[in-house]
Each structure stands twice: as structure tokens, then as C-alpha cells.
Amino acid sequence: MSRLGEIRAPTLVIYGSGDVRALVGASKCVAERVPGAEVVVMEGLAHVPNMERPDEFNRLVLDFLAKHS
């Protein structure tokens, strides 16, 4: 994780508010260390937000990509 600050690509970090503590911590670490990273916490979801609410997840990703294309 020591090289995360070198990432220059647009970065979107998405995780569920109910995910396990270790993965929430890892997500927060990535978001804090990658310059300009955007974070979305999908409330009420666990480890697979893309499968739990795929339409919302896809909209978030597509909006992010459109903003950075």
C-alpha cells in the first residue's frame, strides 16, 4: 500500500457500509492515499454492492467514467 500515492489515474472506491471491518478499512486506506480518489459508501450493503444493487452500482460507475472520459 505504500505506493498508492503514485497512482494518477482517476480512481473510484465503492464499498458497502455493512462490509467486514477489514475491507472497509482497506477501502478507506486506498481512498485516503490515492490522490483525488472518489469514495462512495453504499448504505445498507455488504461485500458485493454490484450484485446487491446492480442498477445503482452501474450508474455510479458509468457516471464516474463519463466524468473522466
PDB file of N, CA and C in Angstrom:
ATOM      1  N   MET A   1       0.804  -1.199   0.000  1.00  0.00           N
ATOM      2  CA  MET A   1       0.000   0.000   0.000  1.00  0.00           C
ATOM      3  C   MET A   1       0.846   1.261   0.000  1.00  0.00           C
ATOM      4  N   SER A   2       2.123   1.106   0.121  1.00  0.00           N
ATOM      5  CA  SER A   2       2.991   2.273   0.223  1.00  0.00           C
ATOM      6  C   SER A   2       3.095   3.056  -1.081  1.00  0.00           C
ATOM      7  N   ARG A   3       2.707   2.476  -2.203  1.00  0.00           N
ATOM      8  CA  ARG A   3       2.849   3.160  -3.491  1.00  0.00           C
ATOM      9  C   ARG A   3       1.518   3.725  -4.002  1.00  0.00           C
ATOM     10  N   LEU A   4       0.481   3.679  -3.207  1.00  0.00           N
ATOM     11  CA  LEU A   4      -0.814   4.181  -3.655  1.00  0.00           C
ATOM     12  C   LEU A   4      -0.754   5.651  -4.051  1.00  0.00           C
ATOM     13  N   GLY A   5       0.091   6.410  -3.412  1.00  0.00           N
ATOM     14  CA  GLY A   5       0.224   7.826  -3.735  1.00  0.00           C
ATOM     15  C   GLY A   5       0.770   8.092  -5.124  1.00  0.00           C
ATOM     16  N   GLU A   6       1.302   7.065  -5.770  1.00  0.00           N
ATOM     17  CA  GLU A   6       1.837   7.210  -7.121  1.00  0.00           C
ATOM     18  C   GLU A   6       0.763   7.079  -8.194  1.00  0.00           C
ATOM     19  N   ILE A   7      -0.406   6.610  -7.830  1.00  0.00           N
ATOM     20  CA  ILE A   7      -1.486   6.414  -8.808  1.00  0.00           C
ATOM     21  C   ILE A   7      -1.979   7.771  -9.274  1.00  0.00           C
ATOM     22  N   ARG A   8      -2.050   7.940 -10.573  1.00  0.00           N
ATOM     23  CA  ARG A   8      -2.508   9.203 -11.165  1.00  0.00           C
ATOM     24  C   ARG A   8      -3.792   9.030 -11.970  1.00  0.00           C
ATOM     25  N   ALA A   9      -4.250   7.814 -12.111  1.00  0.00           N
ATOM     26  CA  ALA A   9      -5.489   7.550 -12.850  1.00  0.00           C
ATOM     27  C   ALA A   9      -6.688   7.894 -11.973  1.00  0.00           C
ATOM     28  N   PRO A  10      -7.763   8.382 -12.580  1.00  0.00           N
ATOM     29  CA  PRO A  10      -8.986   8.602 -11.805  1.00  0.00           C
ATOM     30  C   PRO A  10      -9.376   7.302 -11.101  1.00  0.00           C
ATOM     31  N   THR A  11      -9.725   7.432  -9.835  1.00  0.00           N
ATOM     32  CA  THR A  11      -9.980   6.251  -9.019  1.00  0.00           C
ATOM     33  C   THR A  11     -11.300   6.402  -8.281  1.00  0.00           C
ATOM     34  N   LEU A  12     -12.123   5.383  -8.380  1.00  0.00           N
ATOM     35  CA  LEU A  12     -13.398   5.344  -7.664  1.00  0.00           C
ATOM     36  C   LEU A  12     -13.360   4.164  -6.711  1.00  0.00           C
ATOM     37  N   VAL A  13     -13.597   4.445  -5.441  1.00  0.00           N
ATOM     38  CA  VAL A  13     -13.638   3.406  -4.410  1.00  0.00           C
ATOM     39  C   VAL A  13     -15.086   3.275  -3.963  1.00  0.00           C
ATOM     40  N   ILE A  14     -15.648   2.095  -4.145  1.00  0.00           N
ATOM     41  CA  ILE A  14     -17.032   1.840  -3.732  1.00  0.00           C
ATOM     42  C   ILE A  14     -17.011   0.679  -2.745  1.00  0.00           C
ATOM     43  N   TYR A  15     -17.697   0.874  -1.628  1.00  0.00           N
ATOM     44  CA  TYR A  15     -17.855  -0.233  -0.692  1.00  0.00           C
ATOM     45  C   TYR A  15     -19.186  -0.108   0.028  1.00  0.00           C
ATOM     46  N   GLY A  16     -19.624  -1.210   0.583  1.00  0.00           N
ATOM     47  CA  GLY A  16     -20.882  -1.232   1.314  1.00  0.00           C
ATOM     48  C   GLY A  16     -20.677  -0.888   2.774  1.00  0.00           C
ATOM     49  N   SER A  17     -21.618  -0.165   3.350  1.00  0.00           N
ATOM     50  CA  SER A  17     -21.495   0.249   4.751  1.00  0.00           C
ATOM     51  C   SER A  17     -21.490  -0.941   5.705  1.00  0.00           C
ATOM     52  N   GLY A  18     -22.033  -2.056   5.286  1.00  0.00           N
ATOM     53  CA  GLY A  18     -22.086  -3.230   6.146  1.00  0.00           C
ATOM     54  C   GLY A  18     -21.013  -4.262   5.857  1.00  0.00           C
ATOM     55  N   ASP A  19     -19.993  -3.876   5.090  1.00  0.00           N
ATOM     56  CA  ASP A  19     -18.920  -4.830   4.765  1.00  0.00           C
ATOM     57  C   ASP A  19     -18.108  -5.135   6.023  1.00  0.00           C
ATOM     58  N   VAL A  20     -17.298  -6.162   5.958  1.00  0.00           N
ATOM     59  CA  VAL A  20     -16.468  -6.523   7.108  1.00  0.00           C
ATOM     60  C   VAL A  20     -15.458  -5.414   7.380  1.00  0.00           C
ATOM     61  N   ARG A  21     -15.103  -5.268   8.628  1.00  0.00           N
ATOM     62  CA  ARG A  21     -14.244  -4.170   9.084  1.00  0.00           C
ATOM     63  C   ARG A  21     -12.930  -4.079   8.305  1.00  0.00           C
ATOM     64  N   ALA A  22     -12.316  -5.211   8.015  1.00  0.00           N
ATOM     65  CA  ALA A  22     -11.024  -5.198   7.311  1.00  0.00           C
ATOM     66  C   ALA A  22     -11.161  -4.611   5.910  1.00  0.00           C
ATOM     67  N   LEU A  23     -12.234  -4.935   5.213  1.00  0.00           N
ATOM     68  CA  LEU A  23     -12.403  -4.416   3.852  1.00  0.00           C
ATOM     69  C   LEU A  23     -12.815  -2.948   3.851  1.00  0.00           C
ATOM     70  N   VAL A  24     -13.597  -2.539   4.827  1.00  0.00           N
ATOM     71  CA  VAL A  24     -13.912  -1.113   4.948  1.00  0.00           C
ATOM     72  C   VAL A  24     -12.625  -0.345   5.216  1.00  0.00           C
ATOM     73  N   GLY A  25     -11.790  -0.869   6.105  1.00  0.00           N
ATOM     74  CA  GLY A  25     -10.514  -0.222   6.399  1.00  0.00           C
ATOM     75  C   GLY A  25      -9.607  -0.140   5.192  1.00  0.00           C
ATOM     76  N   ALA A  26      -9.538  -1.213   4.419  1.00  0.00           N
ATOM     77  CA  ALA A  26      -8.707  -1.213   3.207  1.00  0.00           C
ATOM     78  C   ALA A  26      -9.241  -0.206   2.195  1.00  0.00           C
ATOM     79  N   SER A  27     -10.558  -0.141   2.054  1.00  0.00           N
ATOM     80  CA  SER A  27     -11.167   0.821   1.121  1.00  0.00           C
ATOM     81  C   SER A  27     -10.849   2.250   1.536  1.00  0.00           C
ATOM     82  N   LYS A  28     -10.972   2.526   2.824  1.00  0.00           N
ATOM     83  CA  LYS A  28     -10.666   3.867   3.321  1.00  0.00           C
ATOM     84  C   LYS A  28      -9.189   4.201   3.115  1.00  0.00           C
ATOM     85  N   CYS A  29      -8.329   3.232   3.318  1.00  0.00           N
ATOM     86  CA  CYS A  29      -6.896   3.436   3.123  1.00  0.00           C
ATOM     87  C   CYS A  29      -6.591   3.796   1.675  1.00  0.00           C
ATOM     88  N   VAL A  30      -7.166   3.054   0.744  1.00  0.00           N
ATOM     89  CA  VAL A  30      -6.965   3.352  -0.678  1.00  0.00           C
ATOM     90  C   VAL A  30      -7.474   4.753  -0.984  1.00  0.00           C
ATOM     91  N   ALA A  31      -8.669   5.067  -0.501  1.00  0.00           N
ATOM     92  CA  ALA A  31      -9.261   6.380  -0.780  1.00  0.00           C
ATOM     93  C   ALA A  31      -8.418   7.518  -0.219  1.00  0.00           C
ATOM     94  N   GLU A  32      -7.819   7.309   0.933  1.00  0.00           N
ATOM     95  CA  GLU A  32      -7.004   8.356   1.553  1.00  0.00           C
ATOM     96  C   GLU A  32      -5.650   8.522   0.871  1.00  0.00           C
ATOM     97  N   ARG A  33      -5.118   7.458   0.310  1.00  0.00           N
ATOM     98  CA  ARG A  33      -3.757   7.504  -0.217  1.00  0.00           C
ATOM     99  C   ARG A  33      -3.658   7.746  -1.717  1.00  0.00           C
ATOM    100  N   VAL A  34      -4.730   7.482  -2.461  1.00  0.00           N
ATOM    101  CA  VAL A  34      -4.707   7.745  -3.901  1.00  0.00           C
ATOM    102  C   VAL A  34      -5.152   9.190  -4.107  1.00  0.00           C
ATOM    103  N   PRO A  35      -4.295  10.014  -4.684  1.00  0.00           N
ATOM    104  CA  PRO A  35      -4.649  11.420  -4.872  1.00  0.00           C
ATOM    105  C   PRO A  35      -5.934  11.583  -5.686  1.00  0.00           C
ATOM    106  N   GLY A  36      -6.863  12.345  -5.135  1.00  0.00           N
ATOM    107  CA  GLY A  36      -8.097  12.652  -5.849  1.00  0.00           C
ATOM    108  C   GLY A  36      -9.098  11.519  -5.921  1.00  0.00           C
ATOM    109  N   ALA A  37      -8.870  10.440  -5.207  1.00  0.00           N
ATOM    110  CA  ALA A  37      -9.809   9.312  -5.255  1.00  0.00           C
ATOM    111  C   ALA A  37     -11.190   9.756  -4.785  1.00  0.00           C
ATOM    112  N   GLU A  38     -12.186   9.244  -5.450  1.00  0.00           N
ATOM    113  CA  GLU A  38     -13.566   9.500  -5.056  1.00  0.00           C
ATOM    114  C   GLU A  38     -14.089   8.272  -4.332  1.00  0.00           C
ATOM    115  N   VAL A  39     -14.903   8.502  -3.306  1.00  0.00           N
ATOM    116  CA  VAL A  39     -15.413   7.413  -2.479  1.00  0.00           C
ATOM    117  C   VAL A  39     -16.926   7.433  -2.473  1.00  0.00           C
ATOM    118  N   VAL A  40     -17.518   6.262  -2.619  1.00  0.00           N
ATOM    119  CA  VAL A  40     -18.959   6.098  -2.454  1.00  0.00           C
ATOM    120  C   VAL A  40     -19.182   4.950  -1.483  1.00  0.00           C
ATOM    121  N   VAL A  41     -19.902   5.241  -0.417  1.00  0.00           N
ATOM    122  CA  VAL A  41     -20.301   4.205   0.526  1.00  0.00           C
ATOM    123  C   VAL A  41     -21.770   3.906   0.248  1.00  0.00           C
ATOM    124  N   MET A  42     -22.033   2.696  -0.174  1.00  0.00           N
ATOM    125  CA  MET A  42     -23.408   2.291  -0.464  1.00  0.00           C
ATOM    126  C   MET A  42     -24.027   1.784   0.840  1.00  0.00           C
ATOM    127  N   GLU A  43     -24.936   2.586   1.375  1.00  0.00           N
ATOM    128  CA  GLU A  43     -25.534   2.306   2.675  1.00  0.00           C
ATOM    129  C   GLU A  43     -26.379   1.034   2.660  1.00  0.00           C
ATOM    130  N   GLY A  44     -26.256   0.295   3.740  1.00  0.00           N
ATOM    131  CA  GLY A  44     -27.072  -0.891   3.927  1.00  0.00           C
ATOM    132  C   GLY A  44     -26.632  -2.105   3.130  1.00  0.00           C
ATOM    133  N   LEU A  45     -25.458  -2.032   2.511  1.00  0.00           N
ATOM    134  CA  LEU A  45     -24.970  -3.151   1.708  1.00  0.00           C
ATOM    135  C   LEU A  45     -23.738  -3.752   2.352  1.00  0.00           C
ATOM    136  N   ALA A  46     -23.449  -4.977   1.939  1.00  0.00           N
ATOM    137  CA  ALA A  46     -22.298  -5.682   2.496  1.00  0.00           C
ATOM    138  C   ALA A  46     -21.177  -5.751   1.473  1.00  0.00           C
ATOM    139  N   HIS A  47     -20.711  -6.947   1.184  1.00  0.00           N
ATOM    140  CA  HIS A  47     -19.478  -7.147   0.433  1.00  0.00           C
ATOM    141  C   HIS A  47     -19.629  -7.074  -1.089  1.00  0.00           C
ATOM    142  N   VAL A  48     -20.810  -7.208  -1.599  1.00  0.00           N
ATOM    143  CA  VAL A  48     -20.965  -7.235  -3.066  1.00  0.00           C
ATOM    144  C   VAL A  48     -22.035  -6.237  -3.529  1.00  0.00           C
ATOM    145  N   PRO A  49     -21.756  -4.939  -3.396  1.00  0.00           N
ATOM    146  CA  PRO A  49     -22.760  -3.949  -3.787  1.00  0.00           C
ATOM    147  C   PRO A  49     -23.144  -4.042  -5.259  1.00  0.00           C
ATOM    148  N   ASN A  50     -22.213  -4.503  -6.097  1.00  0.00           N
ATOM    149  CA  ASN A  50     -22.527  -4.625  -7.525  1.00  0.00           C
ATOM    150  C   ASN A  50     -23.567  -5.708  -7.784  1.00  0.00           C
ATOM    151  N   MET A  51     -23.700  -6.647  -6.873  1.00  0.00           N
ATOM    152  CA  MET A  51     -24.703  -7.694  -7.033  1.00  0.00           C
ATOM    153  C   MET A  51     -25.961  -7.403  -6.208  1.00  0.00           C
ATOM    154  N   GLU A  52     -25.796  -6.677  -5.112  1.00  0.00           N
ATOM    155  CA  GLU A  52     -26.935  -6.376  -4.252  1.00  0.00           C
ATOM    156  C   GLU A  52     -27.823  -5.287  -4.846  1.00  0.00           C
ATOM    157  N   ARG A  53     -27.215  -4.264  -5.426  1.00  0.00           N
ATOM    158  CA  ARG A  53     -27.970  -3.196  -6.097  1.00  0.00           C
ATOM    159  C   ARG A  53     -27.260  -2.843  -7.399  1.00  0.00           C
ATOM    160  N   PRO A  54     -27.344  -3.746  -8.382  1.00  0.00           N
ATOM    161  CA  PRO A  54     -26.565  -3.565  -9.613  1.00  0.00           C
ATOM    162  C   PRO A  54     -26.914  -2.293 -10.384  1.00  0.00           C
ATOM    163  N   ASP A  55     -28.159  -1.902 -10.416  1.00  0.00           N
ATOM    164  CA  ASP A  55     -28.510  -0.699 -11.179  1.00  0.00           C
ATOM    165  C   ASP A  55     -27.856   0.542 -10.574  1.00  0.00           C
ATOM    166  N   GLU A  56     -27.895   0.665  -9.274  1.00  0.00           N
ATOM    167  CA  GLU A  56     -27.272   1.806  -8.607  1.00  0.00           C
ATOM    168  C   GLU A  56     -25.756   1.765  -8.773  1.00  0.00           C
ATOM    169  N   PHE A  57     -25.171   0.592  -8.587  1.00  0.00           N
ATOM    170  CA  PHE A  57     -23.721   0.431  -8.749  1.00  0.00           C
ATOM    171  C   PHE A  57     -23.296   0.817 -10.164  1.00  0.00           C
ATOM    172  N   ASN A  58     -23.997   0.299 -11.165  1.00  0.00           N
ATOM    173  CA  ASN A  58     -23.650   0.605 -12.552  1.00  0.00           C
ATOM    174  C   ASN A  58     -23.780   2.087 -12.840  1.00  0.00           C
ATOM    175  N   ARG A  59     -24.811   2.739 -12.294  1.00  0.00           N
ATOM    176  CA  ARG A  59     -24.982   4.173 -12.506  1.00  0.00           C
ATOM    177  C   ARG A  59     -23.800   4.942 -11.912  1.00  0.00           C
ATOM    178  N   LEU A  60     -23.378   4.552 -10.718  1.00  0.00           N
ATOM    179  CA  LEU A  60     -22.232   5.210 -10.083  1.00  0.00           C
ATOM    180  C   LEU A  60     -20.975   5.073 -10.934  1.00  0.00           C
ATOM    181  N   VAL A  61     -20.718   3.879 -11.414  1.00  0.00           N
ATOM    182  CA  VAL A  61     -19.522   3.636 -12.230  1.00  0.00           C
ATOM    183  C   VAL A  61     -19.610   4.376 -13.563  1.00  0.00           C
ATOM    184  N   LEU A  62     -20.748   4.299 -14.222  1.00  0.00           N
ATOM    185  CA  LEU A  62     -20.889   4.970 -15.513  1.00  0.00           C
ATOM    186  C   LEU A  62     -20.803   6.490 -15.379  1.00  0.00           C
ATOM    187  N   ASP A  63     -21.376   7.045 -14.324  1.00  0.00           N
ATOM    188  CA  ASP A  63     -21.264   8.490 -14.082  1.00  0.00           C
ATOM    189  C   ASP A  63     -19.801   8.885 -13.860  1.00  0.00           C
ATOM    190  N   PHE A  64     -19.092   8.077 -13.094  1.00  0.00           N
ATOM    191  CA  PHE A  64     -17.675   8.336 -12.835  1.00  0.00           C
ATOM    192  C   PHE A  64     -16.879   8.285 -14.134  1.00  0.00           C
ATOM    193  N   LEU A  65     -17.125   7.267 -14.936  1.00  0.00           N
ATOM    194  CA  LEU A  65     -16.403   7.138 -16.202  1.00  0.00           C
ATOM    195  C   LEU A  65     -16.723   8.281 -17.152  1.00  0.00           C
ATOM    196  N   ALA A  66     -17.971   8.689 -17.199  1.00  0.00           N
ATOM    197  CA  ALA A  66     -18.361   9.795 -18.078  1.00  0.00           C
ATOM    198  C   ALA A  66     -17.666  11.093 -17.654  1.00  0.00           C
ATOM    199  N   LYS A  67     -17.528  11.283 -16.371  1.00  0.00           N
ATOM    200  CA  LYS A  67     -16.891  12.483 -15.848  1.00  0.00           C
ATOM    201  C   LYS A  67     -15.398  12.521 -16.180  1.00  0.00           C
ATOM    202  N   HIS A  68     -14.796  11.342 -16.379  1.00  0.00           N
ATOM    203  CA  HIS A  68     -13.356  11.264 -16.582  1.00  0.00           C
ATOM    204  C   HIS A  68     -12.965  10.789 -17.986  1.00  0.00           C
ATOM    205  N   SER A  69     -13.910  10.849 -18.909  1.00  0.00           N
ATOM    206  CA  SER A  69     -13.565  10.409 -20.268  1.00  0.00           C
ATOM    207  C   SER A  69     -13.202  11.567 -21.161  1.00  0.00           C
TER     208      SER A  69
END
